[in-house]
Each structure stands twice: as C-alpha cells, then as structure tokens.
Amino acid sequence: MHPLTEPGVWIERIGARVFPPHLPALFLDRDGTINVDTDYPSDPAEIVLRDNIVPAIAAANRVGIPVVVVTNQSGIARGYFGWSAFAAVNGRVLELLGDQGVFVDMVLACAYHQAGVGPLAIPDHPMRKPNPGMLFEAGKRLALDLQRSLIVGDKLADMQAGERAGLAQGWMVDGEAEVQPGFAIRPLRNSSDLGDLLAAIETLDRDNRS
C-alpha cells in the first residue's frame, strides 16, 4: 500500500524521530541532487549517489533538523513507470544513504503533469515544483519554520518553490549565484560551495539554541 494522499501525491514519513515545533528543515530535490539523474529513474540498480550531498544530510542529522525530500515525478504521469517503480527506486536511494550513515525524515513526490494521462494530467498542480505545495505540506506536518529552512536542488524550479514557500536561500547544483530581494541562490559546484552550505546548516543549529 503506497502512502498516496491523492492519485498523484506521495507523502511518506520515514523513521520515528520526533521534532520540536518551529525547527527549520533541509529540503532536498532527489533526482540530480541526491542521486545522479538517469532521465526518469525507474531501475533501483542504476541509482548512484551524487557527490557533495551526504555531508549536507549528515550535518542536518547532526544538528537535529528534519531532512525532507521534495521531488517531481512526471515520469509517472507520462506512463513511463508507476508508483511501485518509484517506491523501489526511492527505497534504494534511502538504502544507499543509510549505508553512508545518514537518513531522511520525510519524502514527498508529485506525479502530476500537463503531459500526463488520465487523472494525473493536471497542469500546474499546486504540489508540483515550482509551486510550493510540497514544502507547505511538509511544513504543516512537521510544524516547520519555513523562513529559516534551506533547499538544495538542480533546477530553477527547486529554487522557485523554495522562494514561494518563504525560504530565504537555496543551493543549486552546478548553478550560478544569484541574489534577489528576499531570496538568494547559492551555487553548489565544489568543496568550497559545500563548505558554505555546511556552515549555513551549522548556523541553524546555533539559532535553535539561542
């Protein structure tokens, strides 16, 4: 039985960690951010973790803030694979992270897309990034402080979802720095950029203790 709240939305709580209210979260896109994007990943055997993401998850785990995956899955809407294949791939991603000693607390996925078929053929669904619905839903379920939360992704849609959810900054894999009023995009290309992300996560810990 898949944790679907509607035909195109998957919301799964991972593990049993209990968080106090008003913590920030580390939001992560999945394909292209946590794992190498193999173009609509549907085979667990092909999943490989990307460099630079495990230390960020480890830092969030260490300081006690939730790690939340928010992923668009239009391959389901397009009929390339179903929720069972998504579950198998996602299970493999979580397994590989576990092998590295890090863990995720919640996974949200949106399968709706305008090019979909049947009930999944919905354009601009509020849960589909760049819309912020998945972040809002996680915020509600985990009582998060979205304004202090961070997002990491590999597409502009990830950054736009973060901005629309009220976050102040995000890190874009292989992206360029861009500062706009109210939201800053930071690049995540090398070890120096990763150091900046880790420092931002550590700052969240200090804010929580103050």
N, C-alpha and C. Protein backbone atom coordinates (compact mmCIF):
# COMPACT_ATOMS: atom_id res chain seq x y z
N MET A 1 0.86 -1.19 0.00
CA MET A 1 0.00 0.00 0.00
C MET A 1 0.89 1.24 0.00
N HIS A 2 0.76 2.05 -1.05
CA HIS A 2 1.60 3.24 -1.15
C HIS A 2 1.00 4.40 -0.35
N PRO A 3 1.84 5.26 0.21
CA PRO A 3 1.35 6.40 1.01
C PRO A 3 0.88 7.56 0.14
N LEU A 4 -0.17 7.34 -0.64
CA LEU A 4 -0.70 8.35 -1.54
C LEU A 4 -1.85 9.10 -0.85
N THR A 5 -1.76 10.42 -0.83
CA THR A 5 -2.85 11.21 -0.28
C THR A 5 -3.88 11.55 -1.36
N GLU A 6 -3.49 11.42 -2.61
CA GLU A 6 -4.35 11.54 -3.79
C GLU A 6 -3.60 10.84 -4.92
N PRO A 7 -4.22 10.63 -6.09
CA PRO A 7 -3.57 9.80 -7.11
C PRO A 7 -2.15 10.22 -7.49
N GLY A 8 -1.85 11.52 -7.40
CA GLY A 8 -0.53 11.98 -7.84
C GLY A 8 0.36 12.52 -6.75
N VAL A 9 0.05 12.27 -5.50
CA VAL A 9 0.86 12.83 -4.41
C VAL A 9 1.23 11.74 -3.40
N TRP A 10 2.52 11.57 -3.21
CA TRP A 10 3.09 10.61 -2.26
C TRP A 10 3.65 11.38 -1.08
N ILE A 11 3.23 11.02 0.14
CA ILE A 11 3.77 11.65 1.35
C ILE A 11 4.10 10.53 2.33
N GLU A 12 5.39 10.38 2.62
CA GLU A 12 5.85 9.27 3.46
C GLU A 12 6.73 9.79 4.59
N ARG A 13 6.35 9.50 5.79
CA ARG A 13 7.19 9.81 6.95
C ARG A 13 8.17 8.67 7.14
N ILE A 14 9.44 8.99 7.21
CA ILE A 14 10.49 7.98 7.33
C ILE A 14 11.03 8.01 8.77
N GLY A 15 11.12 6.83 9.39
CA GLY A 15 11.66 6.77 10.74
C GLY A 15 10.68 7.30 11.76
N ALA A 16 11.15 7.37 12.99
CA ALA A 16 10.27 7.74 14.11
C ALA A 16 10.80 8.93 14.91
N ARG A 17 11.74 9.69 14.33
CA ARG A 17 12.26 10.83 15.08
C ARG A 17 11.16 11.86 15.32
N VAL A 18 11.09 12.35 16.53
CA VAL A 18 10.12 13.38 16.90
C VAL A 18 10.86 14.71 17.03
N PHE A 19 10.34 15.72 16.35
CA PHE A 19 11.00 17.03 16.35
C PHE A 19 10.16 18.05 17.12
N PRO A 20 10.80 18.92 17.87
CA PRO A 20 10.04 20.02 18.48
C PRO A 20 9.53 20.96 17.39
N PRO A 21 8.48 21.71 17.66
CA PRO A 21 7.96 22.62 16.63
C PRO A 21 8.90 23.78 16.35
N HIS A 22 8.70 24.36 15.17
CA HIS A 22 9.38 25.59 14.75
C HIS A 22 10.86 25.39 14.42
N LEU A 23 11.23 24.15 14.07
CA LEU A 23 12.58 23.94 13.55
C LEU A 23 12.59 24.23 12.05
N PRO A 24 13.73 24.68 11.52
CA PRO A 24 13.88 24.72 10.06
C PRO A 24 14.13 23.31 9.53
N ALA A 25 14.06 23.15 8.23
CA ALA A 25 14.35 21.86 7.60
C ALA A 25 15.37 22.05 6.49
N LEU A 26 16.02 20.95 6.14
CA LEU A 26 16.82 20.89 4.92
C LEU A 26 15.97 20.18 3.88
N PHE A 27 15.49 20.95 2.88
CA PHE A 27 14.72 20.38 1.78
C PHE A 27 15.67 19.98 0.66
N LEU A 28 15.44 18.80 0.09
CA LEU A 28 16.28 18.30 -0.98
C LEU A 28 15.44 17.81 -2.14
N ASP A 29 15.76 18.25 -3.34
CA ASP A 29 15.28 17.57 -4.53
C ASP A 29 15.93 16.18 -4.54
N ARG A 30 15.40 15.25 -5.34
CA ARG A 30 16.01 13.92 -5.35
C ARG A 30 16.88 13.69 -6.59
N ASP A 31 16.25 13.48 -7.75
CA ASP A 31 17.00 13.12 -8.96
C ASP A 31 17.82 14.30 -9.46
N GLY A 32 19.12 14.11 -9.54
CA GLY A 32 20.02 15.18 -9.93
C GLY A 32 20.60 15.94 -8.77
N THR A 33 20.08 15.67 -7.57
CA THR A 33 20.58 16.33 -6.36
C THR A 33 21.12 15.32 -5.36
N ILE A 34 20.28 14.36 -4.96
CA ILE A 34 20.76 13.28 -4.09
C ILE A 34 21.42 12.19 -4.92
N ASN A 35 20.75 11.76 -5.97
CA ASN A 35 21.28 10.72 -6.85
C ASN A 35 21.49 11.28 -8.25
N VAL A 36 22.36 10.63 -8.99
CA VAL A 36 22.62 11.02 -10.38
C VAL A 36 21.33 10.83 -11.17
N ASP A 37 20.94 11.84 -11.93
CA ASP A 37 19.70 11.78 -12.70
C ASP A 37 19.93 10.95 -13.96
N THR A 38 19.26 9.81 -14.05
CA THR A 38 19.39 8.93 -15.22
C THR A 38 18.22 9.10 -16.17
N ASP A 39 17.55 10.26 -16.12
CA ASP A 39 16.44 10.57 -17.02
C ASP A 39 15.24 9.68 -16.69
N TYR A 40 14.41 10.13 -15.79
CA TYR A 40 13.26 9.38 -15.29
C TYR A 40 13.71 8.06 -14.64
N PRO A 41 14.46 8.13 -13.55
CA PRO A 41 14.99 6.90 -12.92
C PRO A 41 13.87 5.94 -12.52
N SER A 42 13.98 4.69 -12.99
CA SER A 42 12.97 3.68 -12.68
C SER A 42 13.58 2.33 -12.32
N ASP A 43 14.92 2.24 -12.34
CA ASP A 43 15.60 0.97 -12.05
C ASP A 43 16.48 1.17 -10.81
N PRO A 44 16.15 0.52 -9.71
CA PRO A 44 16.96 0.71 -8.49
C PRO A 44 18.43 0.37 -8.69
N ALA A 45 18.72 -0.57 -9.60
CA ALA A 45 20.10 -0.99 -9.82
C ALA A 45 20.96 0.11 -10.43
N GLU A 46 20.33 1.12 -11.00
CA GLU A 46 21.07 2.19 -11.66
C GLU A 46 21.32 3.40 -10.75
N ILE A 47 20.83 3.34 -9.53
CA ILE A 47 20.91 4.51 -8.65
C ILE A 47 22.32 4.65 -8.07
N VAL A 48 22.88 5.84 -8.24
CA VAL A 48 24.20 6.19 -7.70
C VAL A 48 24.06 7.54 -7.01
N LEU A 49 24.58 7.64 -5.80
CA LEU A 49 24.52 8.92 -5.09
C LEU A 49 25.46 9.93 -5.71
N ARG A 50 25.04 11.18 -5.73
CA ARG A 50 25.91 12.27 -6.17
C ARG A 50 26.90 12.62 -5.07
N ASP A 51 28.02 13.16 -5.48
CA ASP A 51 28.97 13.71 -4.51
C ASP A 51 28.36 14.96 -3.86
N ASN A 52 28.86 15.31 -2.72
CA ASN A 52 28.56 16.58 -2.05
C ASN A 52 27.25 16.62 -1.28
N ILE A 53 26.39 15.58 -1.41
CA ILE A 53 25.11 15.70 -0.73
C ILE A 53 25.11 14.98 0.62
N VAL A 54 25.86 13.88 0.74
CA VAL A 54 25.87 13.13 2.00
C VAL A 54 26.37 14.00 3.16
N PRO A 55 27.43 14.80 2.98
CA PRO A 55 27.86 15.65 4.11
C PRO A 55 26.80 16.64 4.55
N ALA A 56 25.99 17.15 3.62
CA ALA A 56 24.93 18.09 3.99
C ALA A 56 23.85 17.39 4.80
N ILE A 57 23.47 16.18 4.37
CA ILE A 57 22.47 15.44 5.13
C ILE A 57 23.02 15.08 6.50
N ALA A 58 24.29 14.69 6.53
CA ALA A 58 24.92 14.34 7.81
C ALA A 58 24.91 15.53 8.76
N ALA A 59 25.18 16.73 8.22
CA ALA A 59 25.18 17.92 9.07
C ALA A 59 23.79 18.19 9.63
N ALA A 60 22.77 18.05 8.79
CA ALA A 60 21.40 18.26 9.26
C ALA A 60 21.02 17.21 10.30
N ASN A 61 21.39 15.96 10.07
CA ASN A 61 21.13 14.91 11.06
C ASN A 61 21.82 15.25 12.38
N ARG A 62 23.04 15.73 12.29
CA ARG A 62 23.84 16.00 13.48
C ARG A 62 23.24 17.12 14.33
N VAL A 63 22.73 18.17 13.66
CA VAL A 63 22.19 19.31 14.42
C VAL A 63 20.71 19.12 14.74
N GLY A 64 20.12 18.02 14.27
CA GLY A 64 18.76 17.68 14.68
C GLY A 64 17.65 18.39 13.95
N ILE A 65 17.89 18.76 12.68
CA ILE A 65 16.80 19.36 11.90
C ILE A 65 16.30 18.34 10.88
N PRO A 66 15.01 18.37 10.55
CA PRO A 66 14.46 17.39 9.61
C PRO A 66 15.06 17.53 8.21
N VAL A 67 15.20 16.38 7.55
CA VAL A 67 15.63 16.33 6.15
C VAL A 67 14.43 15.84 5.34
N VAL A 68 14.00 16.66 4.38
CA VAL A 68 12.77 16.40 3.64
C VAL A 68 13.05 16.39 2.15
N VAL A 69 12.71 15.30 1.49
CA VAL A 69 12.87 15.19 0.04
C VAL A 69 11.58 15.65 -0.64
N VAL A 70 11.70 16.54 -1.61
CA VAL A 70 10.55 17.01 -2.39
C VAL A 70 10.89 16.81 -3.87
N THR A 71 10.18 15.90 -4.54
CA THR A 71 10.57 15.51 -5.88
C THR A 71 9.38 15.49 -6.83
N ASN A 72 9.55 16.12 -8.00
CA ASN A 72 8.59 15.97 -9.09
C ASN A 72 8.83 14.64 -9.77
N GLN A 73 7.76 13.93 -10.13
CA GLN A 73 7.89 12.63 -10.79
C GLN A 73 6.94 12.56 -11.98
N SER A 74 7.19 13.39 -12.98
CA SER A 74 6.31 13.41 -14.14
C SER A 74 6.38 12.13 -14.96
N GLY A 75 7.43 11.33 -14.76
CA GLY A 75 7.51 10.04 -15.47
C GLY A 75 6.33 9.15 -15.17
N ILE A 76 5.75 9.30 -13.98
CA ILE A 76 4.56 8.53 -13.63
C ILE A 76 3.37 9.03 -14.43
N ALA A 77 3.19 10.34 -14.47
CA ALA A 77 2.08 10.91 -15.24
C ALA A 77 2.19 10.54 -16.72
N ARG A 78 3.41 10.51 -17.23
CA ARG A 78 3.63 10.22 -18.65
C ARG A 78 3.48 8.74 -18.97
N GLY A 79 3.35 7.90 -17.93
CA GLY A 79 3.18 6.47 -18.16
C GLY A 79 4.47 5.70 -18.34
N TYR A 80 5.62 6.31 -18.00
CA TYR A 80 6.90 5.61 -18.16
C TYR A 80 7.08 4.53 -17.09
N PHE A 81 6.55 4.76 -15.92
CA PHE A 81 6.60 3.79 -14.82
C PHE A 81 5.51 4.16 -13.82
N GLY A 82 5.31 3.31 -12.83
CA GLY A 82 4.25 3.56 -11.86
C GLY A 82 4.80 3.82 -10.47
N TRP A 83 3.89 3.95 -9.51
CA TRP A 83 4.30 4.22 -8.14
C TRP A 83 5.12 3.09 -7.55
N SER A 84 4.91 1.86 -8.01
CA SER A 84 5.71 0.74 -7.48
C SER A 84 7.17 0.90 -7.85
N ALA A 85 7.43 1.33 -9.10
CA ALA A 85 8.81 1.56 -9.52
C ALA A 85 9.40 2.74 -8.75
N PHE A 86 8.60 3.79 -8.55
CA PHE A 86 9.08 4.91 -7.73
C PHE A 86 9.47 4.42 -6.34
N ALA A 87 8.61 3.59 -5.75
CA ALA A 87 8.88 3.09 -4.40
C ALA A 87 10.18 2.30 -4.35
N ALA A 88 10.43 1.50 -5.38
CA ALA A 88 11.65 0.70 -5.41
C ALA A 88 12.89 1.58 -5.55
N VAL A 89 12.81 2.58 -6.42
CA VAL A 89 13.94 3.50 -6.61
C VAL A 89 14.17 4.31 -5.35
N ASN A 90 13.08 4.81 -4.78
CA ASN A 90 13.22 5.64 -3.59
C ASN A 90 13.78 4.83 -2.43
N GLY A 91 13.34 3.57 -2.32
CA GLY A 91 13.88 2.69 -1.29
C GLY A 91 15.37 2.49 -1.46
N ARG A 92 15.82 2.38 -2.71
CA ARG A 92 17.25 2.21 -2.97
C ARG A 92 18.03 3.47 -2.61
N VAL A 93 17.46 4.65 -2.92
CA VAL A 93 18.12 5.90 -2.54
C VAL A 93 18.29 5.97 -1.03
N LEU A 94 17.23 5.66 -0.30
CA LEU A 94 17.30 5.70 1.17
C LEU A 94 18.27 4.65 1.71
N GLU A 95 18.31 3.50 1.05
CA GLU A 95 19.24 2.45 1.48
C GLU A 95 20.69 2.90 1.30
N LEU A 96 20.99 3.50 0.15
CA LEU A 96 22.36 3.98 -0.10
C LEU A 96 22.74 5.08 0.88
N LEU A 97 21.79 5.95 1.20
CA LEU A 97 22.07 6.98 2.20
C LEU A 97 22.33 6.34 3.56
N GLY A 98 21.52 5.35 3.90
CA GLY A 98 21.71 4.64 5.16
C GLY A 98 23.07 3.99 5.25
N ASP A 99 23.55 3.45 4.12
CA ASP A 99 24.88 2.84 4.09
C ASP A 99 25.97 3.86 4.42
N GLN A 100 25.67 5.15 4.15
CA GLN A 100 26.61 6.23 4.45
C GLN A 100 26.37 6.81 5.84
N GLY A 101 25.41 6.24 6.57
CA GLY A 101 25.16 6.69 7.93
C GLY A 101 24.30 7.92 8.05
N VAL A 102 23.54 8.26 6.99
CA VAL A 102 22.68 9.44 7.04
C VAL A 102 21.25 9.02 6.70
N PHE A 103 20.30 9.87 7.06
CA PHE A 103 18.91 9.47 6.86
C PHE A 103 18.01 10.67 6.58
N VAL A 104 16.88 10.35 5.97
CA VAL A 104 15.86 11.31 5.58
C VAL A 104 14.65 11.10 6.48
N ASP A 105 13.91 12.18 6.76
CA ASP A 105 12.77 12.09 7.67
C ASP A 105 11.42 12.09 6.97
N MET A 106 11.35 12.61 5.75
CA MET A 106 10.08 12.64 5.02
C MET A 106 10.36 12.71 3.53
N VAL A 107 9.51 12.05 2.75
CA VAL A 107 9.61 12.10 1.29
C VAL A 107 8.24 12.51 0.74
N LEU A 108 8.24 13.55 -0.10
CA LEU A 108 7.04 13.97 -0.80
C LEU A 108 7.33 13.94 -2.29
N ALA A 109 6.40 13.41 -3.07
CA ALA A 109 6.56 13.33 -4.51
C ALA A 109 5.27 13.74 -5.20
N CYS A 110 5.40 14.47 -6.30
CA CYS A 110 4.24 14.89 -7.08
C CYS A 110 4.38 14.34 -8.50
N ALA A 111 3.37 13.58 -8.93
CA ALA A 111 3.41 12.96 -10.25
C ALA A 111 2.61 13.74 -11.30
N TYR A 112 1.88 14.76 -10.90
CA TYR A 112 1.02 15.46 -11.86
C TYR A 112 1.84 16.21 -12.90
N HIS A 113 1.32 16.20 -14.14
CA HIS A 113 1.99 16.94 -15.23
C HIS A 113 1.00 17.13 -16.36
N GLN A 114 1.15 18.25 -17.03
CA GLN A 114 0.20 18.56 -18.11
C GLN A 114 0.28 17.55 -19.26
N ALA A 115 1.41 16.88 -19.41
CA ALA A 115 1.55 15.88 -20.47
C ALA A 115 1.15 14.48 -20.00
N GLY A 116 0.54 14.40 -18.83
CA GLY A 116 0.17 13.11 -18.28
C GLY A 116 -1.08 12.53 -18.92
N VAL A 117 -1.47 11.37 -18.43
CA VAL A 117 -2.66 10.69 -18.92
C VAL A 117 -3.60 10.46 -17.74
N GLY A 118 -4.90 10.43 -18.04
CA GLY A 118 -5.89 10.13 -17.01
C GLY A 118 -5.90 11.16 -15.90
N PRO A 119 -6.09 10.71 -14.66
CA PRO A 119 -6.23 11.65 -13.53
C PRO A 119 -4.95 12.41 -13.21
N LEU A 120 -3.82 11.99 -13.77
CA LEU A 120 -2.56 12.67 -13.48
C LEU A 120 -2.27 13.82 -14.45
N ALA A 121 -3.15 14.01 -15.43
CA ALA A 121 -2.94 15.05 -16.45
C ALA A 121 -3.47 16.38 -15.94
N ILE A 122 -2.80 16.94 -14.94
CA ILE A 122 -3.20 18.22 -14.37
C ILE A 122 -2.05 19.21 -14.55
N PRO A 123 -2.26 20.30 -15.29
CA PRO A 123 -1.20 21.30 -15.45
C PRO A 123 -1.08 22.17 -14.21
N ASP A 124 0.13 22.52 -13.88
CA ASP A 124 0.41 23.50 -12.81
C ASP A 124 -0.26 23.12 -11.48
N HIS A 125 -0.17 21.84 -11.12
CA HIS A 125 -0.73 21.40 -9.85
C HIS A 125 0.02 22.10 -8.71
N PRO A 126 -0.69 22.49 -7.63
CA PRO A 126 -0.03 23.23 -6.55
C PRO A 126 1.10 22.46 -5.87
N MET A 127 1.11 21.12 -5.98
CA MET A 127 2.18 20.34 -5.37
C MET A 127 3.41 20.24 -6.27
N ARG A 128 3.25 20.53 -7.55
CA ARG A 128 4.38 20.36 -8.47
C ARG A 128 5.28 21.58 -8.45
N LYS A 129 6.55 21.38 -8.16
CA LYS A 129 7.50 22.49 -8.24
C LYS A 129 7.50 23.05 -9.67
N PRO A 130 7.56 24.35 -9.86
CA PRO A 130 7.99 25.40 -8.93
C PRO A 130 6.94 25.86 -7.91
N ASN A 131 5.76 25.26 -7.91
CA ASN A 131 4.79 25.61 -6.88
C ASN A 131 5.26 25.07 -5.53
N PRO A 132 4.89 25.71 -4.44
CA PRO A 132 5.46 25.37 -3.13
C PRO A 132 4.66 24.36 -2.32
N GLY A 133 3.67 23.70 -2.94
CA GLY A 133 2.77 22.86 -2.17
C GLY A 133 3.43 21.79 -1.33
N MET A 134 4.45 21.12 -1.88
CA MET A 134 5.10 20.05 -1.12
C MET A 134 5.82 20.62 0.10
N LEU A 135 6.42 21.79 -0.04
CA LEU A 135 7.11 22.40 1.10
C LEU A 135 6.10 22.84 2.15
N PHE A 136 4.98 23.41 1.70
CA PHE A 136 3.94 23.81 2.65
C PHE A 136 3.39 22.60 3.40
N GLU A 137 3.17 21.49 2.68
CA GLU A 137 2.62 20.30 3.31
C GLU A 137 3.59 19.73 4.35
N ALA A 138 4.86 19.67 4.01
CA ALA A 138 5.86 19.22 4.98
C ALA A 138 5.91 20.17 6.17
N GLY A 139 5.82 21.47 5.87
CA GLY A 139 5.84 22.45 6.94
C GLY A 139 4.70 22.26 7.91
N LYS A 140 3.53 21.94 7.37
CA LYS A 140 2.36 21.72 8.23
C LYS A 140 2.51 20.44 9.05
N ARG A 141 2.97 19.37 8.41
CA ARG A 141 3.04 18.08 9.09
C ARG A 141 4.15 18.03 10.14
N LEU A 142 5.23 18.77 9.90
CA LEU A 142 6.36 18.75 10.84
C LEU A 142 6.47 20.04 11.66
N ALA A 143 5.49 20.94 11.51
CA ALA A 143 5.48 22.22 12.25
C ALA A 143 6.79 22.98 12.06
N LEU A 144 7.19 23.14 10.79
CA LEU A 144 8.49 23.72 10.47
C LEU A 144 8.46 25.25 10.45
N ASP A 145 9.65 25.80 10.64
CA ASP A 145 9.89 27.22 10.40
C ASP A 145 10.42 27.32 8.97
N LEU A 146 9.55 27.59 8.01
CA LEU A 146 9.97 27.60 6.61
C LEU A 146 10.92 28.75 6.30
N GLN A 147 10.76 29.87 6.97
CA GLN A 147 11.60 31.02 6.66
C GLN A 147 13.07 30.74 6.91
N ARG A 148 13.37 29.89 7.89
CA ARG A 148 14.77 29.57 8.19
C ARG A 148 15.23 28.30 7.48
N SER A 149 14.35 27.64 6.75
CA SER A 149 14.71 26.39 6.08
C SER A 149 15.56 26.66 4.85
N LEU A 150 16.25 25.61 4.40
CA LEU A 150 17.12 25.67 3.23
C LEU A 150 16.64 24.65 2.20
N ILE A 151 16.89 24.91 0.92
CA ILE A 151 16.57 23.94 -0.11
C ILE A 151 17.77 23.76 -1.03
N VAL A 152 17.99 22.51 -1.43
CA VAL A 152 19.05 22.18 -2.40
C VAL A 152 18.39 21.47 -3.58
N GLY A 153 18.68 21.92 -4.78
CA GLY A 153 18.13 21.30 -5.98
C GLY A 153 19.02 21.54 -7.17
N ASP A 154 18.64 20.96 -8.30
CA ASP A 154 19.46 21.12 -9.50
C ASP A 154 18.73 21.88 -10.61
N LYS A 155 17.53 22.38 -10.31
CA LYS A 155 16.76 23.10 -11.32
C LYS A 155 16.23 24.41 -10.72
N LEU A 156 15.99 25.36 -11.61
CA LEU A 156 15.43 26.63 -11.17
C LEU A 156 14.08 26.43 -10.48
N ALA A 157 13.32 25.42 -10.92
CA ALA A 157 12.02 25.15 -10.30
C ALA A 157 12.17 24.85 -8.81
N ASP A 158 13.27 24.21 -8.42
CA ASP A 158 13.50 23.94 -7.00
C ASP A 158 13.68 25.23 -6.23
N MET A 159 14.46 26.14 -6.82
CA MET A 159 14.71 27.41 -6.17
C MET A 159 13.42 28.24 -6.10
N GLN A 160 12.63 28.21 -7.16
CA GLN A 160 11.38 28.96 -7.18
C GLN A 160 10.40 28.42 -6.15
N ALA A 161 10.36 27.11 -5.98
CA ALA A 161 9.49 26.52 -4.96
C ALA A 161 9.91 26.99 -3.57
N GLY A 162 11.23 27.02 -3.34
CA GLY A 162 11.72 27.50 -2.07
C GLY A 162 11.37 28.95 -1.82
N GLU A 163 11.56 29.77 -2.84
CA GLU A 163 11.24 31.19 -2.70
C GLU A 163 9.75 31.39 -2.42
N ARG A 164 8.90 30.67 -3.15
CA ARG A 164 7.45 30.82 -2.99
C ARG A 164 6.97 30.29 -1.63
N ALA A 165 7.75 29.39 -1.04
CA ALA A 165 7.39 28.87 0.29
C ALA A 165 7.89 29.76 1.41
N GLY A 166 8.62 30.82 1.05
CA GLY A 166 9.08 31.76 2.06
C GLY A 166 10.49 31.52 2.57
N LEU A 167 11.22 30.57 1.95
CA LEU A 167 12.61 30.35 2.35
C LEU A 167 13.45 31.56 1.93
N ALA A 168 14.59 31.73 2.59
CA ALA A 168 15.45 32.88 2.28
C ALA A 168 16.56 32.54 1.30
N GLN A 169 16.92 31.24 1.21
CA GLN A 169 18.03 30.89 0.33
C GLN A 169 17.99 29.42 -0.07
N GLY A 170 18.63 29.15 -1.19
CA GLY A 170 18.74 27.78 -1.68
C GLY A 170 20.06 27.57 -2.38
N TRP A 171 20.46 26.33 -2.50
CA TRP A 171 21.71 25.95 -3.18
C TRP A 171 21.36 25.17 -4.43
N MET A 172 21.92 25.60 -5.57
CA MET A 172 21.60 24.97 -6.84
C MET A 172 22.82 24.22 -7.37
N VAL A 173 22.64 22.91 -7.56
CA VAL A 173 23.71 22.05 -8.05
C VAL A 173 24.18 22.57 -9.41
N ASP A 174 25.47 22.83 -9.51
CA ASP A 174 26.09 23.33 -10.75
C ASP A 174 25.48 24.65 -11.22
N GLY A 175 24.87 25.39 -10.31
CA GLY A 175 24.22 26.65 -10.67
C GLY A 175 25.13 27.85 -10.49
N GLU A 176 24.56 29.01 -10.69
CA GLU A 176 25.27 30.28 -10.54
C GLU A 176 24.65 31.05 -9.37
N ALA A 177 25.47 31.85 -8.71
CA ALA A 177 24.97 32.67 -7.61
C ALA A 177 24.04 33.74 -8.16
N GLU A 178 22.95 33.95 -7.44
CA GLU A 178 22.00 34.99 -7.84
C GLU A 178 21.27 35.47 -6.60
N VAL A 179 21.38 36.73 -6.30
CA VAL A 179 20.74 37.29 -5.12
C VAL A 179 19.61 38.20 -5.57
N GLN A 180 18.39 37.87 -5.12
CA GLN A 180 17.22 38.67 -5.40
C GLN A 180 16.65 39.15 -4.06
N PRO A 181 15.82 40.18 -4.07
CA PRO A 181 15.19 40.61 -2.81
C PRO A 181 14.42 39.45 -2.16
N GLY A 182 14.83 39.09 -0.97
CA GLY A 182 14.12 38.07 -0.23
C GLY A 182 14.59 36.65 -0.46
N PHE A 183 15.39 36.39 -1.51
CA PHE A 183 15.83 35.02 -1.77
C PHE A 183 17.17 35.03 -2.49
N ALA A 184 18.07 34.19 -2.01
CA ALA A 184 19.40 34.11 -2.62
C ALA A 184 19.64 32.69 -3.11
N ILE A 185 20.11 32.57 -4.35
CA ILE A 185 20.52 31.28 -4.90
C ILE A 185 22.03 31.17 -4.76
N ARG A 186 22.49 30.12 -4.07
CA ARG A 186 23.92 29.87 -3.91
C ARG A 186 24.31 28.70 -4.81
N PRO A 187 25.49 28.73 -5.38
CA PRO A 187 25.92 27.59 -6.21
C PRO A 187 26.41 26.43 -5.35
N LEU A 188 26.25 25.22 -5.86
CA LEU A 188 26.81 24.02 -5.23
C LEU A 188 27.57 23.25 -6.31
N ARG A 189 28.85 23.65 -6.47
CA ARG A 189 29.66 23.11 -7.56
C ARG A 189 30.93 22.43 -7.08
N ASN A 190 31.41 22.83 -5.91
CA ASN A 190 32.72 22.34 -5.48
C ASN A 190 32.76 22.28 -3.95
N SER A 191 33.93 21.91 -3.42
CA SER A 191 34.06 21.73 -1.98
C SER A 191 33.89 23.05 -1.23
N SER A 192 34.27 24.16 -1.84
CA SER A 192 34.10 25.46 -1.19
C SER A 192 32.61 25.79 -1.03
N ASP A 193 31.85 25.54 -2.11
CA ASP A 193 30.40 25.77 -2.04
C ASP A 193 29.76 24.85 -1.00
N LEU A 194 30.22 23.60 -0.96
CA LEU A 194 29.69 22.67 0.05
C LEU A 194 30.00 23.19 1.45
N GLY A 195 31.18 23.74 1.64
CA GLY A 195 31.53 24.31 2.93
C GLY A 195 30.57 25.42 3.34
N ASP A 196 30.16 26.24 2.36
CA ASP A 196 29.20 27.30 2.65
C ASP A 196 27.85 26.71 3.08
N LEU A 197 27.42 25.65 2.41
CA LEU A 197 26.16 25.00 2.77
C LEU A 197 26.24 24.41 4.17
N LEU A 198 27.34 23.74 4.46
CA LEU A 198 27.50 23.14 5.79
C LEU A 198 27.52 24.22 6.87
N ALA A 199 28.15 25.35 6.57
CA ALA A 199 28.18 26.45 7.53
C ALA A 199 26.77 27.00 7.77
N ALA A 200 25.97 27.06 6.71
CA ALA A 200 24.60 27.55 6.87
C ALA A 200 23.78 26.59 7.73
N ILE A 201 24.01 25.29 7.57
CA ILE A 201 23.30 24.31 8.40
C ILE A 201 23.74 24.44 9.85
N GLU A 202 25.03 24.61 10.07
CA GLU A 202 25.53 24.78 11.44
C GLU A 202 24.95 26.05 12.07
N THR A 203 24.77 27.10 11.28
CA THR A 203 24.18 28.33 11.78
C THR A 203 22.75 28.09 12.27
N LEU A 204 22.01 27.23 11.57
CA LEU A 204 20.66 26.90 12.00
C LEU A 204 20.68 26.27 13.39
N ASP A 205 21.70 25.45 13.63
CA ASP A 205 21.82 24.82 14.96
C ASP A 205 22.05 25.88 16.03
N ARG A 206 22.90 26.85 15.75
CA ARG A 206 23.16 27.91 16.73
C ARG A 206 21.91 28.74 16.97
N ASP A 207 21.14 29.00 15.89
CA ASP A 207 19.90 29.74 16.04
C ASP A 207 18.91 28.99 16.92
N ASN A 208 18.86 27.65 16.74
CA ASN A 208 17.92 26.85 17.53
C ASN A 208 18.26 26.89 19.03
N ARG A 209 19.55 27.03 19.33
CA ARG A 209 19.99 27.00 20.72
C ARG A 209 19.92 28.37 21.39
N SER A 210 19.81 29.41 20.59
CA SER A 210 19.84 30.76 21.17
C SER A 210 18.48 31.16 21.76
